[in-house]
Protein backbone atom coordinates (compact mmCIF):
# COMPACT_ATOMS: atom_id res chain seq x y z
CA UNK A 1 52.83 20.18 22.22
CA UNK A 2 50.62 20.70 25.16
CA UNK A 3 47.95 23.27 25.01
CA UNK A 4 45.20 24.11 27.22
CA UNK A 5 42.72 23.95 24.06
CA UNK A 6 39.96 21.41 23.85
CA UNK A 7 38.32 20.12 21.29
CA UNK A 8 35.27 19.51 23.37
CA UNK A 9 34.37 22.76 23.21
CA UNK A 10 32.87 21.90 19.38
CA UNK A 11 30.22 20.37 21.94
CA UNK A 12 29.02 24.01 22.35
CA UNK A 13 26.22 24.67 20.05
CA UNK A 14 27.64 28.27 19.73
CA UNK A 15 30.94 26.95 18.45
CA UNK A 16 28.88 24.37 15.99
CA UNK A 17 27.58 27.61 13.98
CA UNK A 18 31.36 29.25 13.73
CA UNK A 19 32.95 25.47 13.62
CA UNK A 20 35.52 26.22 11.26
CA UNK A 21 37.04 29.06 12.67
CA UNK A 22 37.07 27.08 15.92
CA UNK A 23 39.34 24.87 14.12
CA UNK A 24 41.34 27.24 12.67
CA UNK A 25 42.47 28.51 15.78
CA UNK A 26 43.46 25.10 17.39
CA UNK A 27 45.14 24.73 14.13
CA UNK A 28 46.84 28.12 14.32
CA UNK A 29 47.97 27.40 17.19
CA UNK A 30 49.27 23.66 16.82
CA UNK A 31 48.55 21.18 14.21
CA UNK A 32 48.89 18.07 16.59
CA UNK A 33 48.40 18.95 20.32
CA UNK A 34 47.71 16.99 23.12
CA UNK A 35 44.31 17.56 24.24
CA UNK A 36 44.25 17.04 28.64
CA UNK A 37 40.59 17.08 28.58
CA UNK A 38 40.19 14.31 26.04
CA UNK A 39 43.42 12.44 27.14
CA UNK A 40 44.53 12.21 23.63
CA UNK A 41 46.21 13.59 20.34
CA UNK A 42 44.39 16.22 17.85
CA UNK A 43 45.45 16.21 14.62
CA UNK A 44 44.13 19.46 12.60
CA UNK A 45 46.83 20.31 9.71
CA UNK A 46 45.88 17.99 6.13
CA UNK A 47 49.16 16.57 6.60
CA UNK A 48 49.50 14.86 10.09
CA UNK A 49 45.90 14.20 9.30
CA UNK A 50 46.12 12.30 5.51
CA UNK A 51 49.52 10.31 6.76
CA UNK A 52 48.06 8.95 10.03
CA UNK A 53 44.94 7.99 8.15
CA UNK A 54 46.51 5.51 6.51
CA UNK A 55 49.90 4.83 8.72
CA UNK A 56 50.50 1.04 9.70
CA UNK A 57 51.50 1.93 12.97
CA UNK A 58 48.05 4.02 13.95
CA UNK A 59 45.24 0.96 14.79
CA UNK A 60 41.33 1.90 13.91
CA UNK A 61 40.44 -0.39 16.90
CA UNK A 62 38.09 1.23 18.81
CA UNK A 63 37.88 -0.45 21.55
CA UNK A 64 40.90 -2.48 22.70
CA UNK A 65 40.00 -3.25 26.23
CA UNK A 66 36.17 -4.70 25.80
CA UNK A 67 36.44 -5.90 29.22
CA UNK A 68 37.54 -2.14 31.11
CA UNK A 69 34.23 -0.60 29.17
CA UNK A 70 31.20 0.08 31.48
CA UNK A 71 28.16 -2.91 31.60
CA UNK A 72 26.02 -0.75 29.31
CA UNK A 73 28.25 -0.07 26.39
CA UNK A 74 29.94 -3.82 26.51
CA UNK A 75 27.72 -4.98 23.99
CA UNK A 76 27.58 -2.45 21.48
CA UNK A 77 31.29 -2.58 21.24
CA UNK A 78 31.60 -5.85 21.27
CA UNK A 79 29.53 -5.51 17.66
CA UNK A 80 31.52 -2.27 16.36
CA UNK A 81 34.81 -4.34 17.13
CA UNK A 82 33.85 -7.29 14.54
CA UNK A 83 33.28 -4.47 11.84
CA UNK A 84 35.57 -3.44 9.24
CA UNK A 85 35.53 0.32 10.36
CA UNK A 86 37.15 -1.04 13.50
CA UNK A 87 39.69 -3.31 12.18
CA UNK A 88 42.79 -3.96 11.20
CA UNK A 89 44.87 -6.34 8.60
CA UNK A 90 44.63 -8.86 7.92
CA UNK A 91 40.82 -8.80 9.19
CA UNK A 92 40.43 -5.61 7.62
CA UNK A 93 40.81 -6.23 4.23
CA UNK A 94 38.85 -9.48 4.33
CA UNK A 95 35.93 -8.16 5.87
CA UNK A 96 35.98 -5.33 3.18
CA UNK A 97 36.38 -7.74 0.13
CA UNK A 98 33.02 -9.25 1.68
CA UNK A 99 31.32 -6.32 0.96
CA UNK A 100 32.53 -4.48 -1.57
CA UNK A 101 30.97 -5.74 -4.63
CA UNK A 102 27.76 -4.15 -3.98
CA UNK A 103 29.68 -0.99 -3.84
CA UNK A 104 31.39 -1.60 -7.62
CA UNK A 105 31.17 1.49 -10.00
CA UNK A 106 28.82 -0.78 -12.36
CA UNK A 107 26.98 -1.67 -9.00
CA UNK A 108 26.36 2.01 -7.80
CA UNK A 109 25.57 3.41 -11.86
CA UNK A 110 22.89 0.94 -11.80
CA UNK A 111 21.24 2.75 -8.81
CA UNK A 112 20.41 6.43 -10.64
CA UNK A 113 16.90 5.56 -11.56
CA UNK A 114 15.83 4.12 -8.09
CA UNK A 115 17.75 7.34 -6.83
CA UNK A 116 15.75 9.93 -9.40
CA UNK A 117 12.13 7.98 -8.58
CA UNK A 118 12.82 8.14 -5.05
CA UNK A 119 13.67 11.64 -5.23
CA UNK A 120 10.99 12.44 -7.27
CA UNK A 121 8.65 11.39 -5.40
CA UNK A 122 9.41 13.77 -3.00
CA UNK A 123 10.26 16.47 -4.93
CA UNK A 124 7.01 16.14 -6.28
CA UNK A 125 4.55 15.63 -2.77
CA UNK A 126 6.26 18.52 -1.47
CA UNK A 127 6.06 20.99 -4.78
CA UNK A 128 2.70 22.32 -3.74
CA UNK A 129 3.29 23.17 0.14
CA UNK A 130 5.84 25.33 -0.67
CA UNK A 131 7.67 24.42 2.00
CA UNK A 132 10.28 21.71 3.68
CA UNK A 133 12.19 20.59 5.96
CA UNK A 134 15.52 19.52 4.04
CA UNK A 135 16.58 16.84 6.61
CA UNK A 136 13.46 14.72 7.42
CA UNK A 137 11.49 15.22 4.20
CA UNK A 138 14.82 14.55 1.68
CA UNK A 139 18.30 14.07 3.23
CA UNK A 140 16.89 11.35 6.04
CA UNK A 141 14.42 9.07 4.15
CA UNK A 142 16.09 9.18 0.99
CA UNK A 143 19.52 7.35 1.87
CA UNK A 144 17.77 4.79 3.99
CA UNK A 145 15.41 3.90 0.89
CA UNK A 146 18.43 3.30 -0.82
CA UNK A 147 19.98 1.42 1.49
CA UNK A 148 16.79 -0.52 2.94
CA UNK A 149 16.65 -1.41 -1.09
CA UNK A 150 20.22 -2.64 -1.18
CA UNK A 151 19.53 -4.64 1.68
CA UNK A 152 16.02 -6.10 0.26
CA UNK A 153 14.09 -4.42 3.68
CA UNK A 154 10.49 -5.07 3.26
CA UNK A 155 9.29 -1.22 2.99
CA UNK A 156 6.38 -1.67 6.33
CA UNK A 157 10.28 -2.94 8.12
CA UNK A 158 12.14 0.29 7.15
CA UNK A 159 10.86 2.48 10.29
CA UNK A 160 12.04 0.32 12.54
CA UNK A 161 15.72 0.09 10.88
CA UNK A 162 15.44 3.88 11.09
CA UNK A 163 14.48 4.03 14.91
CA UNK A 164 16.78 1.56 15.27
CA UNK A 165 19.85 3.36 14.04
CA UNK A 166 19.23 7.03 16.13
CA UNK A 167 20.78 5.73 19.21
CA UNK A 168 23.54 3.79 17.70
CA UNK A 169 24.62 6.87 15.56
CA UNK A 170 24.72 8.88 18.48
CA UNK A 171 27.22 6.42 20.73
CA UNK A 172 29.54 6.47 17.81
CA UNK A 173 29.23 10.05 17.76
CA UNK A 174 29.65 11.16 21.03
CA UNK A 175 31.45 9.16 23.60
CA UNK A 176 30.70 10.74 26.78
CA UNK A 177 26.86 9.40 26.91
CA UNK A 178 25.52 8.34 29.95
CA UNK A 179 24.21 4.90 31.00
CA UNK A 180 21.05 5.50 30.05
CA UNK A 181 22.44 6.18 26.04
CA UNK A 182 24.91 3.76 26.38
CA UNK A 183 21.89 1.00 26.90
CA UNK A 184 19.62 2.38 24.63
CA UNK A 185 22.44 2.26 21.77
CA UNK A 186 23.29 -1.85 22.97
CA UNK A 187 19.81 -2.84 22.71
CA UNK A 188 19.00 -1.24 19.18
CA UNK A 189 22.29 -2.71 17.96
CA UNK A 190 20.85 -5.81 19.60
CA UNK A 191 17.12 -5.61 18.19
CA UNK A 192 18.73 -4.64 14.40
CA UNK A 193 21.27 -7.67 14.67
CA UNK A 194 18.42 -10.17 15.11
CA UNK A 195 15.81 -8.43 12.61
CA UNK A 196 19.21 -8.52 9.58
CA UNK A 197 19.91 -12.77 10.89
CA UNK A 198 16.06 -13.54 10.90
CA UNK A 199 15.69 -11.37 7.53
CA UNK A 200 18.86 -13.09 6.14
CA UNK A 201 17.87 -16.64 6.74
CA UNK A 202 14.29 -16.43 5.94
CA UNK A 203 13.05 -18.74 3.08
CA UNK A 204 8.61 -17.63 2.42
CA UNK A 205 10.69 -14.80 0.51
CA UNK A 206 14.20 -15.40 -1.58
CA UNK A 207 16.29 -12.41 -1.68
CA UNK A 208 15.54 -10.10 -4.88
CA UNK A 209 19.30 -10.84 -7.09
CA UNK A 210 21.98 -8.22 -6.92
CA UNK A 211 21.07 -7.18 -3.23
CA UNK A 212 23.07 -7.60 -0.29
CA UNK A 213 20.81 -10.33 1.10
CA UNK A 214 21.45 -12.25 -1.64
CA UNK A 215 25.12 -11.96 -1.51
CA UNK A 216 25.54 -12.13 2.35
CA UNK A 217 23.34 -15.67 1.87
CA UNK A 218 25.13 -17.09 -1.12
CA UNK A 219 28.58 -16.28 1.37
CA UNK A 220 27.21 -17.80 4.37
CA UNK A 221 26.00 -20.77 2.22
CA UNK A 222 29.07 -21.16 0.05
CA UNK A 223 32.45 -19.94 2.94
CA UNK A 224 32.76 -20.97 6.05
CA UNK A 225 32.57 -17.11 6.90
CA UNK A 226 31.15 -16.33 10.42
CA UNK A 227 27.87 -15.13 10.24
CA UNK A 228 27.63 -12.83 12.99
CA UNK A 229 30.41 -10.97 11.19
CA UNK A 230 28.46 -10.85 8.46
CA UNK A 231 25.71 -9.83 9.98
CA UNK A 232 27.81 -7.15 12.24
CA UNK A 233 29.36 -5.41 8.93
CA UNK A 234 25.56 -5.06 7.72
CA UNK A 235 24.28 -3.34 10.32
CA UNK A 236 27.66 -0.93 9.86
CA UNK A 237 26.20 0.14 6.14
CA UNK A 238 22.79 0.26 6.82
CA UNK A 239 23.64 3.03 9.35
CA UNK A 240 26.90 4.71 7.96
CA UNK A 241 24.95 4.07 4.81
CA UNK A 242 22.06 6.42 5.28
CA UNK A 243 23.18 8.27 8.17
CA UNK A 244 26.49 10.31 6.55
CA UNK A 245 24.81 10.87 3.10
CA UNK A 246 21.69 12.17 5.27
CA UNK A 247 24.60 14.60 6.75
CA UNK A 248 25.73 15.18 3.44
CA UNK A 249 22.65 16.50 1.35
CA UNK A 250 21.62 18.71 4.23
CA UNK A 251 25.00 19.95 5.10
CA UNK A 252 25.38 20.81 1.50
CA UNK A 253 22.32 22.37 1.04
CA UNK A 254 22.42 24.63 3.55
CA UNK A 255 25.84 26.23 2.15
CA UNK A 256 24.54 26.43 -1.58
CA UNK A 257 21.49 28.44 -0.04
CA UNK A 258 24.08 30.68 2.76
CA UNK A 259 25.87 31.15 -1.11
CA UNK A 260 23.16 32.23 -3.81
CA UNK A 261 25.54 32.65 -6.09
CA UNK A 262 26.61 29.58 -6.02
CA UNK A 263 23.28 28.09 -6.50
CA UNK A 264 23.10 29.87 -9.31
CA UNK A 265 26.70 28.95 -11.37
CA UNK A 266 25.39 25.14 -10.50
CA UNK A 267 21.76 25.92 -12.46
CA UNK A 268 23.74 28.23 -15.04
CA UNK A 269 26.31 25.13 -14.97
CA UNK A 270 25.36 21.05 -14.51
CA UNK A 271 28.64 19.98 -15.50
CA UNK A 272 30.17 21.57 -12.83
CA UNK A 273 28.15 18.84 -10.53
CA UNK A 274 31.03 16.69 -10.04
CA UNK A 275 33.36 19.07 -8.94
CA UNK A 276 30.61 21.06 -6.81
CA UNK A 277 29.48 17.78 -4.77
CA UNK A 278 33.84 17.39 -4.05
CA UNK A 279 33.76 21.03 -2.54
CA UNK A 280 30.44 20.63 -0.68
CA UNK A 281 32.06 17.58 1.08
CA UNK A 282 35.39 19.29 1.64
CA UNK A 283 33.75 22.63 2.70
CA UNK A 284 30.95 20.93 4.94
CA UNK A 285 32.09 17.42 6.18
CA UNK A 286 29.39 14.94 7.18
CA UNK A 287 32.18 12.72 9.35
CA UNK A 288 34.47 15.61 10.86
CA UNK A 289 36.61 12.97 13.30
CA UNK A 290 38.51 9.76 12.89
CA UNK A 291 39.92 7.82 15.73
CA UNK A 292 43.52 5.72 15.83
CA UNK A 293 46.04 4.21 18.31
CA UNK A 294 49.08 4.06 18.83
CA UNK A 295 50.40 -0.01 18.66
CA UNK A 296 53.53 1.63 19.82
CA UNK A 297 55.77 4.32 20.26
CA UNK A 298 56.21 6.36 17.43
CA UNK A 299 57.04 9.94 16.06
CA UNK A 300 54.09 11.51 14.60
CA UNK A 301 54.89 14.93 13.11
CA UNK A 302 57.96 15.80 15.25
CA UNK A 303 55.68 14.60 18.29
CA UNK A 304 56.03 11.41 20.31
CA UNK A 305 53.40 9.00 20.11
CA UNK A 306 53.39 6.39 23.09
CA UNK A 307 51.94 2.83 22.79
CA UNK A 308 48.06 3.08 23.38
CA UNK A 309 47.64 6.82 22.79
CA UNK A 310 44.53 7.99 20.54
CA UNK A 311 45.05 10.11 17.92
CA UNK A 312 42.05 11.86 16.60
CA UNK A 313 42.30 13.21 13.34
CA UNK A 314 40.17 16.63 12.19
CA UNK A 315 39.22 15.71 8.71
CA UNK A 316 36.82 19.04 9.11
CA UNK A 317 40.11 20.65 9.96
CA UNK A 318 42.36 19.52 7.47
CA UNK A 319 39.17 20.31 5.34
CA UNK A 320 40.24 24.08 5.70
CA UNK A 321 43.52 24.03 6.10
CA UNK A 322 44.98 26.61 3.89
CA UNK A 323 48.37 24.87 3.09
CA UNK A 324 46.63 22.76 0.90
CA UNK A 325 43.13 24.58 -0.13
CA UNK A 326 43.91 28.28 -0.55
CA UNK A 327 40.95 30.71 0.95
CA UNK A 328 39.44 27.69 2.56
CA UNK A 329 35.93 28.79 4.09
CA UNK A 330 35.30 29.87 0.24
CA UNK A 331 33.63 27.57 -1.36
CA UNK A 332 35.02 27.71 -5.16
CA UNK A 333 33.59 24.63 -7.49
CA UNK A 334 36.18 25.22 -9.72
CA UNK A 335 39.14 24.86 -7.29
CA UNK A 336 42.28 23.08 -8.20
CA UNK A 337 44.24 20.68 -6.85
CA UNK A 338 43.84 19.11 -3.17
CA UNK A 339 42.40 16.22 -2.00
CA UNK A 340 39.78 16.65 0.86
CA UNK A 341 39.39 14.09 4.07
CA UNK A 342 35.40 13.40 3.84
CA UNK A 343 35.96 10.00 3.03
CA UNK A 344 38.77 9.27 4.37
CA UNK A 345 41.97 7.86 3.25
CA UNK A 346 44.04 4.80 3.40
CA UNK A 347 42.49 1.85 3.74
CA UNK A 348 39.78 2.56 5.34
CA UNK A 349 38.40 4.97 2.77
CA UNK A 350 34.78 5.20 2.66
CA UNK A 351 33.45 1.71 0.68
CA UNK A 352 30.29 3.87 -0.66
CA UNK A 353 31.82 6.76 -1.56
CA UNK A 354 30.19 6.45 -4.84
CA UNK A 355 26.63 5.79 -3.80
CA UNK A 356 27.17 8.81 -1.46
CA UNK A 357 27.94 11.24 -4.36
CA UNK A 358 25.46 9.64 -6.40
CA UNK A 359 22.69 10.43 -3.92
CA UNK A 360 23.87 14.00 -2.95
CA UNK A 361 24.22 14.51 -7.10
CA UNK A 362 20.51 13.35 -7.93
CA UNK A 363 19.24 15.31 -4.42
CA UNK A 364 20.85 18.58 -5.64
CA UNK A 365 20.16 18.84 -9.02
CA UNK A 366 16.17 18.28 -8.22
CA UNK A 367 16.10 20.65 -5.25
CA UNK A 368 17.79 23.59 -7.41
CA UNK A 369 16.05 23.25 -11.18
CA UNK A 370 12.39 21.74 -9.62
CA UNK A 371 11.90 24.25 -6.54
CA UNK A 372 11.90 28.15 -7.74
CA UNK A 373 12.80 30.54 -5.55
CA UNK A 374 14.17 28.00 -2.83
CA UNK A 375 15.68 29.80 0.19
CA UNK A 376 15.93 29.42 3.61
CA UNK A 377 12.98 29.89 5.75
CA UNK A 378 14.56 32.26 8.86
CA UNK A 379 14.50 29.63 10.96
CA UNK A 380 17.82 28.71 12.49
CA UNK A 381 19.26 25.72 11.00
CA UNK A 382 19.76 23.15 14.22
CA UNK A 383 22.96 21.03 14.71
CA UNK A 384 23.78 17.86 16.19
CA UNK A 385 25.86 17.79 19.13
CA UNK A 386 28.90 15.38 18.40
CA UNK A 387 32.46 15.43 17.69
CA UNK A 388 32.35 12.85 15.15
CA UNK A 389 29.46 14.29 13.05
CA UNK A 390 28.60 17.13 11.54
CA UNK A 391 25.05 17.27 11.46
CA UNK A 392 21.60 18.84 10.73
CA UNK A 393 18.89 17.93 12.86
CA UNK A 394 16.28 20.57 10.87
CA UNK A 395 16.77 22.64 7.76
CA UNK A 396 13.88 24.49 6.87
CA UNK A 397 13.50 25.94 3.66
CA UNK A 398 10.79 27.80 1.44
CA UNK A 399 10.04 27.82 -1.90
CA UNK A 400 7.29 28.91 -4.60
CA UNK A 401 4.45 26.42 -4.14
CA UNK A 402 3.67 24.48 -7.84
CA UNK A 403 0.56 23.00 -9.08
CA UNK A 404 -0.40 19.05 -7.96
CA UNK A 405 -1.20 16.96 -10.64
CA UNK A 406 -4.69 18.16 -10.21
CA UNK A 407 -3.36 21.50 -10.76
CA UNK A 408 -3.50 22.76 -6.70
CA UNK A 409 -1.32 24.03 -4.34
CA UNK A 410 -1.40 23.76 -0.85
CA UNK A 411 0.49 26.38 0.45
CA UNK A 412 -1.29 26.76 3.53
CA UNK A 413 -2.00 23.34 4.39
CA UNK A 414 0.91 21.48 6.87
CA UNK A 415 3.40 18.61 5.24
CA UNK A 416 3.89 15.83 6.99
CA UNK A 417 6.70 13.89 4.69
CA UNK A 418 7.16 12.06 1.73
CA UNK A 419 4.89 9.09 0.61
CA UNK A 420 3.94 6.02 2.48
CA UNK A 421 7.87 3.96 2.50
CA UNK A 422 9.87 7.20 2.28
CA UNK A 423 8.32 8.72 5.71
CA UNK A 424 10.12 10.12 8.05
CA UNK A 425 11.66 7.52 10.92
CA UNK A 426 9.76 7.16 14.20
CA UNK A 427 10.76 6.89 17.77
CA UNK A 428 11.68 3.61 18.70
CA UNK A 429 8.27 2.47 20.56
CA UNK A 430 6.90 3.78 17.71
CA UNK A 431 7.91 1.58 15.05
CA UNK A 432 5.27 -0.41 12.96
CA UNK A 433 7.68 -3.01 11.63
CA UNK A 434 7.24 -6.65 12.77
CA UNK A 435 8.77 -7.58 16.45
CA UNK A 436 12.44 -8.79 15.28
CA UNK A 437 12.74 -12.31 17.35
CA UNK A 438 15.38 -12.19 20.66
CA UNK A 439 18.94 -12.48 20.82
CA UNK A 440 21.89 -10.66 19.80
CA UNK A 441 24.25 -11.68 17.51
CA UNK A 442 28.23 -11.25 18.14
CA UNK A 443 27.38 -10.06 21.76
């Protein structure tokens, strides 16, 4: 069906606040429609989104013709095209297998103590002040800390990696960046890959055991695996491993503070936390969109999709489909059945889903139990403009200040974020890390 509706309206700030009402309008008109403004099919119903996500007739390759892209975007596109997220079989399962050992249930469970330690430091630092920006002080530094631990990245280098991640994530989440934005994303990817190449090949500090650095180093030595390909996928894990979890923690905190009865329920019944994490992921997923392309002419939900056409799978809309989730706009931690699409579906199901769940669990438990009187401070939440990601750029909260180790509270003093090593990301021009060597891997 061809309609005058367009998913592009989601870019508008006034629509971001009522995003799921907007999705409901789209889905009520048609759960799969042609968006002439995006030159793409848009799927909003759970049935079509979940089936299309794993349909082998649809390709996950984002840039089928790199030569047709702008000069500024081509270097970034070349790297993204070597990542498992944007690959099909047989490349996709091969690439996924290279990294999956770092995300086994046992490997993820072993990270709980480190996650709890990082959260404890952040909360302890904030507790005497009586306020936090959840995004800058908790949601952003926590996942960055854990993924950098996995990559064995020294603390002094982490702000640089965070700064490089931001323009890349913006390019991934916004296909309509101008030349400067695409150029910044390509340069940031080049800098990140150059750093990772130097980091993984240096011999003065051997890799810590059980880290991705150790895994990648061993694979580079013991197999004929393309090292640039390994680096490209480590860059993917670095970006996706902290960006999406950052968004989840921010979105989940906002949902709980807007539904105090739900927050109180979790305080009374901590056994509900696993179910609550799934419901919070469904309710306001960090990733809203997946892109597929038709390999050949095909029928999809009764529509004829022609070869090469783009199909945009709106996971956020599917997660609010009343056909699968009765009363979908209600936050219900005892909701029966229904599989949300927050981590995708099929072969591309998120490799780091278990880690994201664990980080979210530990962070939310700490917020609910250690900060009395936790509430929004009255400042309107600020949303990132993106079709792909549902992300807060700022979320200010207040709570009853608690004494620090000396018995003092610092309610009237400004807070500048968590302790060293967990601090806020700086801008690209302010990174204190060592200068990364030149060269672009995979570009």
